[in-house]
Protein backbone atom coordinates (compact mmCIF):
# COMPACT_ATOMS: atom_id res chain seq x y z
CA MET A 1 91.00 12.84 170.53
CA PHE A 2 89.16 10.20 168.52
CA LYS A 3 91.08 8.17 165.94
CA LYS A 4 88.12 7.19 163.77
CA ILE A 5 84.53 8.51 163.56
CA LEU A 6 81.67 6.67 161.87
CA ILE A 7 79.04 9.02 160.43
CA ALA A 8 75.60 7.44 160.94
CA ASN A 9 73.93 9.53 158.25
CA ARG A 10 73.83 10.28 154.54
CA GLY A 11 73.91 13.12 152.03
CA GLU A 12 75.24 16.60 152.67
CA ILE A 13 75.49 16.32 156.48
CA ALA A 14 77.58 13.14 156.22
CA LEU A 15 79.89 14.93 153.77
CA ARG A 16 80.00 17.97 156.08
CA VAL A 17 81.20 15.84 159.03
CA ILE A 18 83.74 13.98 156.85
CA ARG A 19 85.31 17.32 155.83
CA THR A 20 85.88 18.40 159.42
CA CYS A 21 87.21 14.95 160.35
CA LYS A 22 89.80 15.23 157.56
CA GLU A 23 90.83 18.71 158.74
CA MET A 24 91.24 17.38 162.30
CA GLY A 25 93.30 14.38 161.14
CA ILE A 26 90.56 11.91 162.16
CA LYS A 27 89.72 8.91 159.95
CA SER A 28 86.09 8.74 158.78
CA VAL A 29 83.74 5.85 158.06
CA ALA A 30 80.68 6.33 155.83
CA VAL A 31 77.68 4.04 156.04
CA TYR A 32 75.27 3.77 153.15
CA SER A 33 72.15 2.01 151.95
CA LYS A 34 72.12 0.29 148.57
CA ALA A 35 70.28 3.33 147.17
CA ASP A 36 73.18 5.60 148.22
CA GLU A 37 76.06 3.61 146.76
CA GLU A 38 76.94 6.48 144.37
CA SER A 39 76.60 9.29 146.91
CA LEU A 40 79.57 11.62 147.49
CA HIS A 41 79.82 10.86 151.22
CA VAL A 42 80.65 7.26 150.26
CA LYS A 43 83.37 8.40 147.85
CA PHE A 44 85.09 10.88 150.20
CA ALA A 45 85.16 8.93 153.48
CA ASP A 46 88.28 6.88 154.32
CA GLU A 47 86.12 3.74 154.57
CA ALA A 48 82.54 2.90 153.64
CA VAL A 49 80.23 0.12 154.80
CA CYS A 50 76.89 -0.87 153.25
CA ILE A 51 74.35 -1.23 156.07
CA GLY A 52 71.27 -2.46 154.22
CA PRO A 53 68.64 -1.90 151.52
CA ALA A 54 67.10 1.43 150.50
CA ALA A 55 64.43 1.69 153.22
CA SER A 56 65.63 3.80 156.18
CA SER A 57 64.15 1.27 158.61
CA GLU A 58 66.50 -1.37 157.18
CA SER A 59 69.59 0.86 156.93
CA TYR A 60 70.02 4.32 158.49
CA LEU A 61 67.62 3.50 161.35
CA LYS A 62 68.95 -0.05 161.88
CA MET A 63 70.96 0.42 165.08
CA SER A 64 72.46 -3.09 165.13
CA ASN A 65 73.81 -2.68 161.58
CA ILE A 66 75.38 0.70 162.35
CA LEU A 67 77.01 -0.57 165.56
CA ALA A 68 78.30 -3.63 163.67
CA ALA A 69 79.83 -1.28 161.05
CA ALA A 70 81.49 0.73 163.84
CA GLU A 71 82.92 -2.42 165.43
CA ILE A 72 84.30 -3.98 162.23
CA THR A 73 86.00 -0.69 161.28
CA ASN A 74 87.22 -0.02 164.87
CA ALA A 75 85.52 3.37 165.02
CA ASP A 76 85.77 4.86 168.51
CA ALA A 77 82.97 7.42 168.01
CA ILE A 78 79.73 7.85 166.05
CA HIS A 79 78.47 11.19 164.74
CA PRO A 80 74.72 10.92 164.01
CA GLY A 81 74.30 14.18 162.05
CA TYR A 82 70.65 15.35 162.17
CA GLY A 83 67.47 13.34 161.68
CA PHE A 84 67.58 9.51 161.71
CA LEU A 85 69.13 8.43 165.07
CA SER A 86 70.50 11.82 166.19
CA GLU A 87 67.94 12.20 169.00
CA ASN A 88 67.33 8.53 169.72
CA ALA A 89 67.91 7.83 173.42
CA LYS A 90 68.14 4.06 172.88
CA PHE A 91 70.87 4.44 170.25
CA SER A 92 72.85 6.84 172.47
CA LYS A 93 72.68 4.27 175.28
CA MET A 94 73.67 1.38 172.98
CA CYS A 95 76.76 3.32 171.85
CA GLU A 96 77.70 3.87 175.49
CA GLU A 97 77.25 0.17 176.27
CA HIS A 98 79.58 -0.71 173.37
CA GLN A 99 82.23 1.82 174.55
CA ILE A 100 81.71 3.90 171.41
CA LYS A 101 81.35 7.65 172.03
CA PHE A 102 78.05 9.04 170.74
CA ILE A 103 78.79 12.59 169.52
CA GLY A 104 75.52 13.96 170.79
CA ALA A 105 73.39 14.03 173.91
CA SER A 106 73.31 11.26 176.49
CA CYS A 107 70.35 8.89 176.78
CA GLY A 108 69.10 10.72 179.89
CA MET A 109 69.40 14.14 178.27
CA ILE A 110 67.49 13.07 175.14
CA ASN A 111 64.72 11.57 177.31
CA GLN A 112 64.58 14.69 179.47
CA MET A 113 64.32 17.11 176.55
CA GLY A 114 62.69 14.87 173.90
CA ASP A 115 59.27 14.73 175.55
CA LYS A 116 57.80 18.20 175.12
CA ALA A 117 55.75 18.20 178.33
CA SER A 118 58.70 17.16 180.55
CA ALA A 119 61.04 19.57 178.69
CA LYS A 120 58.66 22.43 179.43
CA ALA A 121 58.45 21.48 183.13
CA THR A 122 62.27 21.32 183.31
CA MET A 123 62.65 24.74 181.69
CA LYS A 124 60.03 26.25 183.98
CA ALA A 125 62.00 24.95 186.97
CA ALA A 126 65.17 26.48 185.48
CA GLY A 127 63.52 29.90 185.26
CA VAL A 128 63.31 29.98 181.45
CA PRO A 129 60.13 31.70 180.16
CA THR A 130 57.60 29.11 178.98
CA ILE A 131 54.29 29.44 177.18
CA PRO A 132 51.34 29.48 179.62
CA GLY A 133 49.54 26.15 179.46
CA SER A 134 48.75 22.80 181.05
CA GLU A 135 51.03 21.26 183.67
CA GLY A 136 51.93 18.06 181.86
CA ILE A 137 49.48 15.85 179.99
CA LEU A 138 45.76 16.65 180.05
CA ASN A 139 43.63 13.98 181.73
CA ASP A 140 40.36 14.51 179.87
CA PHE A 141 38.28 16.92 177.84
CA GLU A 142 36.64 18.51 180.93
CA GLU A 143 40.06 19.53 182.30
CA THR A 144 40.99 20.89 178.85
CA GLN A 145 37.80 22.95 178.61
CA LYS A 146 38.28 24.44 182.10
CA LEU A 147 41.93 25.36 181.48
CA ALA A 148 41.17 26.91 178.07
CA SER A 149 38.54 29.21 179.56
CA GLU A 150 40.97 30.19 182.39
CA MET A 151 43.81 30.98 179.94
CA GLY A 152 41.54 32.63 177.39
CA TYR A 153 41.32 31.84 173.70
CA PRO A 154 43.06 31.34 171.31
CA VAL A 155 44.76 28.14 172.54
CA MET A 156 46.86 25.44 170.87
CA LEU A 157 46.41 21.69 171.46
CA LYS A 158 49.62 19.69 170.99
CA ALA A 159 50.57 16.02 171.04
CA THR A 160 53.17 15.31 173.73
CA ALA A 161 55.02 12.91 171.41
CA GLY A 162 54.56 15.30 168.48
CA GLY A 163 56.72 16.47 165.63
CA GLY A 164 56.27 17.81 162.11
CA GLY A 165 52.97 19.46 163.04
CA LYS A 166 51.16 16.16 163.70
CA GLY A 167 48.56 16.26 166.49
CA MET A 168 48.47 20.09 166.63
CA ARG A 169 45.26 22.14 166.52
CA ALA A 170 44.69 25.88 166.95
CA VAL A 171 41.37 26.66 168.66
CA TRP A 172 40.04 30.21 168.46
CA LYS A 173 36.73 29.79 170.29
CA GLU A 174 35.17 27.41 172.84
CA GLU A 175 32.64 25.82 170.47
CA ASP A 176 35.50 24.44 168.32
CA LEU A 177 37.38 22.82 171.21
CA GLN A 178 35.67 19.39 171.29
CA LYS A 179 36.19 18.73 167.57
CA ALA A 180 39.85 19.83 167.75
CA TRP A 181 40.46 17.66 170.84
CA ASP A 182 39.04 14.54 169.16
CA SER A 183 40.84 14.96 165.81
CA ALA A 184 44.23 15.90 167.36
CA ARG A 185 44.16 12.81 169.60
CA GLN A 186 43.26 10.53 166.70
CA GLU A 187 46.07 11.95 164.54
CA ALA A 188 48.61 11.68 167.38
CA ALA A 189 47.65 8.07 168.12
CA ALA A 190 48.03 7.14 164.43
CA ALA A 191 51.36 8.97 164.00
CA PHE A 192 53.10 8.23 167.32
CA GLY A 193 51.13 5.47 169.03
CA ASN A 194 50.49 7.97 171.85
CA ASP A 195 47.41 10.22 172.09
CA GLY A 196 48.65 12.23 175.11
CA MET A 197 47.84 15.93 174.70
CA TYR A 198 48.87 19.18 176.34
CA MET A 199 47.65 22.72 175.74
CA GLU A 200 49.30 26.12 175.46
CA LYS A 201 48.28 29.70 174.94
CA LEU A 202 48.39 30.44 171.18
CA ILE A 203 51.10 32.99 170.46
CA GLU A 204 49.91 35.69 168.06
CA GLU A 205 52.08 36.69 165.08
CA PRO A 206 54.77 34.27 166.23
CA ARG A 207 58.35 34.15 165.02
CA HIS A 208 60.43 31.00 165.40
CA ILE A 209 63.82 32.14 166.71
CA GLU A 210 66.37 29.65 167.99
CA ILE A 211 69.59 30.12 169.96
CA GLN A 212 72.60 27.93 169.14
CA ILE A 213 74.33 26.69 172.30
CA VAL A 214 77.30 24.48 173.11
CA GLY A 215 77.83 22.85 176.50
CA ASP A 216 80.86 20.92 177.74
CA SER A 217 81.39 18.08 180.21
CA PHE A 218 82.49 20.58 182.88
CA GLY A 219 79.03 22.16 183.28
CA LYS A 220 79.73 25.29 181.22
CA ALA A 221 77.66 26.49 178.25
CA CYS A 222 77.86 29.39 175.83
CA HIS A 223 75.57 30.71 173.11
CA LEU A 224 76.45 31.46 169.50
CA SER A 225 73.63 33.89 168.79
CA GLU A 226 70.29 33.35 167.06
CA ARG A 227 68.76 32.11 163.83
CA ASP A 228 65.35 33.19 162.52
CA CYS A 229 63.54 30.13 161.10
CA SER A 230 60.07 31.63 160.71
CA VAL A 231 59.63 30.95 156.97
CA GLN A 232 58.12 27.46 157.18
CA ARG A 233 55.71 25.29 155.26
CA ARG A 234 53.86 22.60 157.22
CA HIS A 235 56.35 23.13 160.06
CA GLN A 236 59.30 22.44 157.73
CA LYS A 237 61.80 25.30 157.50
CA LEU A 238 62.45 26.67 154.00
CA THR A 239 64.96 29.41 154.68
CA GLU A 240 66.81 30.74 157.74
CA GLU A 241 68.85 33.82 158.52
CA THR A 242 71.09 35.33 161.17
CA PRO A 243 70.88 37.82 162.72
CA SER A 244 67.09 37.92 162.83
CA PRO A 245 65.68 41.15 161.35
CA PHE A 246 63.28 41.20 164.34
CA MET A 247 66.05 41.02 166.95
CA THR A 248 67.24 43.89 169.14
CA ASP A 249 70.45 43.92 171.19
CA GLU A 250 68.39 43.77 174.38
CA LEU A 251 66.29 40.82 173.17
CA ARG A 252 69.39 38.92 171.97
CA ASP A 253 71.00 39.41 175.37
CA LYS A 254 67.88 38.15 177.21
CA MET A 255 67.31 35.16 174.92
CA GLY A 256 71.00 34.24 174.92
CA LYS A 257 71.08 34.26 178.72
CA ALA A 258 67.90 32.17 178.89
CA ALA A 259 69.34 29.58 176.48
CA VAL A 260 72.60 29.33 178.47
CA LEU A 261 70.59 29.04 181.70
CA ALA A 262 68.61 26.19 180.13
CA ALA A 263 71.77 24.35 178.99
CA GLU A 264 73.64 24.78 182.27
CA TYR A 265 70.60 23.80 184.36
CA ILE A 266 70.43 20.39 182.68
CA LYS A 267 74.28 20.15 182.40
CA TYR A 268 73.96 19.84 178.65
CA GLU A 269 76.95 18.43 176.78
CA GLY A 270 77.39 19.01 173.03
CA ALA A 271 75.89 21.29 170.40
CA GLY A 272 72.20 21.98 170.76
CA THR A 273 69.53 24.52 169.97
CA VAL A 274 67.06 26.14 172.34
CA GLU A 275 64.01 27.09 170.28
CA PHE A 276 61.73 29.97 171.20
CA LEU A 277 58.48 31.45 169.96
CA VAL A 278 58.62 35.25 170.02
CA ASP A 279 55.37 37.22 169.88
CA LYS A 280 54.74 40.56 168.23
CA HIS A 281 55.57 42.37 171.50
CA ARG A 282 59.00 40.60 171.62
CA ASN A 283 57.99 38.38 174.55
CA PHE A 284 59.77 35.06 174.10
CA TYR A 285 58.80 31.58 175.28
CA PHE A 286 60.66 28.26 175.32
CA MET A 287 59.27 25.89 172.69
CA GLU A 288 61.66 22.91 172.59
CA MET A 289 65.29 21.92 172.63
CA ASN A 290 66.99 20.05 169.80
CA THR A 291 69.79 17.90 171.20
CA ARG A 292 71.74 17.71 167.93
CA ILE A 293 73.29 19.79 165.16
CA GLN A 294 70.71 21.62 163.03
CA VAL A 295 70.29 21.67 159.25
CA GLU A 296 70.78 25.45 159.36
CA HIS A 297 74.02 25.46 161.41
CA PRO A 298 76.15 26.84 158.50
CA ILE A 299 74.73 30.37 158.77
CA THR A 300 75.92 30.56 162.38
CA GLU A 301 79.35 29.30 161.29
CA GLN A 302 79.51 31.99 158.61
CA VAL A 303 78.67 35.01 160.78
CA ILE A 304 81.01 34.12 163.66
CA ASP A 305 83.70 32.20 161.72
CA PHE A 306 83.37 29.03 163.80
CA ASP A 307 83.27 25.32 162.90
CA LEU A 308 80.37 23.86 164.90
CA ILE A 309 81.13 20.26 163.89
CA ARG A 310 84.72 20.64 165.14
CA GLU A 311 83.35 22.01 168.41
CA GLN A 312 80.93 19.06 168.70
CA ILE A 313 83.79 16.60 168.27
CA SER A 314 86.03 18.50 170.71
CA VAL A 315 83.35 18.65 173.41
CA ALA A 316 82.69 14.91 172.98
CA ALA A 317 86.44 14.35 173.51
CA LYS A 318 86.16 16.18 176.88
CA ILE A 319 87.78 19.42 175.71
CA PRO A 320 86.29 22.49 177.48
CA ILE A 321 84.49 25.20 175.49
CA SER A 322 85.87 28.73 175.33
CA GLY A 323 82.94 29.90 177.46
CA LYS A 324 82.52 33.18 175.60
CA HIS A 325 79.29 34.17 173.91
CA TYR A 326 79.51 34.87 170.19
CA LEU A 327 77.67 37.69 168.41
CA PRO A 328 77.14 37.93 164.63
CA LYS A 329 79.61 40.15 162.77
CA LEU A 330 78.00 39.61 159.35
CA HIS A 331 74.61 38.63 157.87
CA SER A 332 73.95 35.15 156.49
CA ILE A 333 70.95 33.53 154.76
CA GLU A 334 70.37 29.85 153.94
CA CYS A 335 67.96 28.57 151.29
CA ARG A 336 67.14 24.87 151.45
CA ILE A 337 67.11 23.53 147.90
CA ASN A 338 64.70 20.60 147.74
CA ALA A 339 63.93 18.27 144.84
CA GLU A 340 60.30 19.40 144.88
CA ASP A 341 57.97 21.17 142.47
CA PRO A 342 56.94 24.52 144.03
CA TYR A 343 54.32 24.99 141.27
CA ASN A 344 52.67 21.69 142.20
CA ASP A 345 52.20 21.94 145.99
CA PHE A 346 55.91 21.14 146.55
CA ARG A 347 55.48 17.57 145.30
CA PRO A 348 58.74 15.54 145.60
CA SER A 349 60.70 15.24 142.35
CA PRO A 350 63.26 12.43 142.60
CA GLY A 351 65.26 11.39 139.52
CA LYS A 352 68.49 11.92 137.64
CA ILE A 353 70.27 15.28 137.59
CA THR A 354 71.20 15.67 133.91
CA ASN A 355 72.99 19.02 134.22
CA LEU A 356 74.34 20.99 137.18
CA ASN A 357 75.92 24.42 137.48
CA ILE A 358 77.02 25.40 140.97
CA PRO A 359 77.11 29.10 141.92
CA GLY A 360 80.34 30.63 143.19
CA GLY A 361 81.94 33.93 144.09
CA HIS A 362 82.63 35.86 147.26
CA GLY A 363 80.37 35.02 150.20
CA ILE A 364 78.78 31.93 148.61
CA ARG A 365 78.74 28.53 150.34
CA LEU A 366 77.03 25.44 148.99
CA ASP A 367 76.61 22.31 151.11
CA THR A 368 75.50 19.47 148.84
CA HIS A 369 76.11 15.82 148.01
CA VAL A 370 74.78 15.89 144.44
CA TYR A 371 76.55 16.14 141.08
CA SER A 372 75.70 15.94 137.39
CA GLY A 373 74.54 12.37 136.69
CA TYR A 374 73.54 11.75 140.34
CA VAL A 375 70.19 10.00 140.82
CA ILE A 376 68.14 11.45 143.69
CA PRO A 377 66.52 8.43 145.41
CA PRO A 378 62.82 8.63 146.31
CA PHE A 379 63.30 7.06 149.77
CA TYR A 380 64.62 9.98 151.85
CA ASP A 381 64.15 13.65 152.64
CA SER A 382 64.02 15.73 149.45
CA MET A 383 66.66 18.31 150.47
CA ILE A 384 69.57 18.13 148.02
CA ALA A 385 71.51 21.31 148.81
CA LYS A 386 71.84 24.27 151.15
CA LEU A 387 72.79 27.55 149.50
CA ILE A 388 74.28 30.04 151.95
CA THR A 389 75.21 33.66 151.28
CA THR A 390 77.10 35.89 153.69
CA ALA A 391 77.65 39.66 153.49
CA GLN A 392 78.13 42.80 155.58
CA THR A 393 74.40 43.63 155.59
CA ARG A 394 71.06 41.88 155.15
CA GLU A 395 70.38 43.74 151.91
CA GLU A 396 73.73 42.62 150.46
CA ALA A 397 73.12 39.00 151.57
CA ILE A 398 69.71 39.02 149.82
CA ASN A 399 71.16 40.49 146.61
CA LYS A 400 73.95 37.90 146.70
CA MET A 401 71.36 35.13 147.21
CA LYS A 402 69.35 36.32 144.18
CA ARG A 403 72.48 36.27 142.03
CA ALA A 404 73.54 32.84 143.31
CA LEU A 405 70.06 31.35 142.75
CA GLN A 406 70.08 32.65 139.17
CA GLU A 407 73.44 30.90 138.61
CA PHE A 408 72.29 27.66 140.25
CA VAL A 409 71.15 25.36 137.44
CA ILE A 410 69.76 21.90 138.22
CA GLU A 411 68.22 20.09 135.26
CA GLY A 412 66.43 16.73 135.15
CA VAL A 413 64.36 17.28 138.30
CA LYS A 414 62.15 20.05 139.68
CA THR A 415 63.62 22.09 142.56
CA THR A 416 62.61 24.87 144.94
CA ILE A 417 65.01 27.37 143.30
CA PRO A 418 62.07 29.27 141.62
CA PHE A 419 60.34 29.57 145.01
CA HIS A 420 63.45 31.06 146.66
CA LEU A 421 63.90 33.53 143.79
CA GLN A 422 60.34 34.76 144.34
CA LEU A 423 60.85 34.86 148.11
CA MET A 424 63.94 37.09 147.70
CA ASP A 425 61.71 39.62 145.86
CA HIS A 426 58.75 39.47 148.24
CA PRO A 427 58.13 42.89 149.86
CA ASP A 428 57.38 41.43 153.32
CA TYR A 429 60.51 39.27 153.25
CA LEU A 430 62.62 42.21 152.05
CA ALA A 431 61.23 44.29 154.93
CA GLY A 432 62.00 41.49 157.43
CA ASN A 433 58.29 41.49 158.18
CA TYR A 434 57.41 37.79 158.33
CA THR A 435 56.07 35.28 160.88
CA THR A 436 55.52 31.52 160.92
CA LYS A 437 52.23 32.24 159.07
CA PHE A 438 54.07 33.78 156.08
CA MET A 439 53.64 30.76 153.77
CA GLU A 440 49.88 30.64 154.37
CA GLU A 441 49.58 33.81 152.26
CA PHE A 442 52.36 33.06 149.76
CA GLU A 443 51.47 32.11 146.18
CA MET A 444 53.85 31.09 143.41
CA LYS A 445 53.68 33.36 140.37
């Protein structure tokens, strides 16, 4: 087992990893930018190293600084959390070259699954259902036009290096294809320096349902059930739940087997998520694989009583997984609390928290790095907390979430708490009747 783990991240996920390290008897090293000097992850780690100024590019994304911090503190492993360098193939390889264990996917695995076109080809070869579409990158508009008419509209154009919805265009009829092709390529080139496009059949009334998997270094993988992440705004998840209200036992069994097949086919090592789009007829299609821990991992932990960070660390230390598949015994919901103004198009609201009251009680979990007097910096993602409720049934979990949101007081900045309170009263959400298009119709009252 590792003696000391450096956490190459910030905020609540850094604190989350530190907690498990302490419980496992492993020393922890926090890294921080000058803007994060007063953050809780810095206070609770065994050691802390400043790695640069506020800008991510000069601190949390600066690989040489993070590796230098690992070497001067004699850390024998690095946990990247999510975001930042968690799916960076170059960083994974640099850790390996410095004999520091990267608690995440190998360089080859990240490359294989990071490019969406090659990931799709790999999954197709593994026998995992994939969305009908182009074989790899499209060569030109003529090929795109021909394929679209063969598949039938609607279709979706996607940037191969995409993420966060950049370079994506839905096309409902042939006369709109040229305009969508030109604008998607321009956006992709500006965002990623790569205008490569591929095309897929557009899935109607789609739900975004992901399967949590863990694979070990002995070629075995298991799944830990699903999470429904369909409530999204601009491709950013707002709330997640498990089990999905759309799921049946038969569908869970099929999707779980497909996710394990995917992981074992590529000999995946570590915690990861196989993401699927599920249409209104409950047909499911591979979308992408995230080779890291997810923001929403706590709801899985709650319903199966399982520490995913501990499992990540154990697998990285060459300990085999149990091999059994886990099914949810309870119902859990996560609301992402962002420092944003939901009444003003979710505009970021950094600043000082002048007053804070944290909800408590049975079945309430709060993952956060903020406190009264903490100044939310304007340089990073606006998520400041994850509020998780767990109960015997979905209805109870929703009622518990309403109560917890009412207790959750954050003054000094705007937050998304009012949005989540309205969501928990929305008839379609209460009925479990929502898709990835849900937020297009939603209006704050």
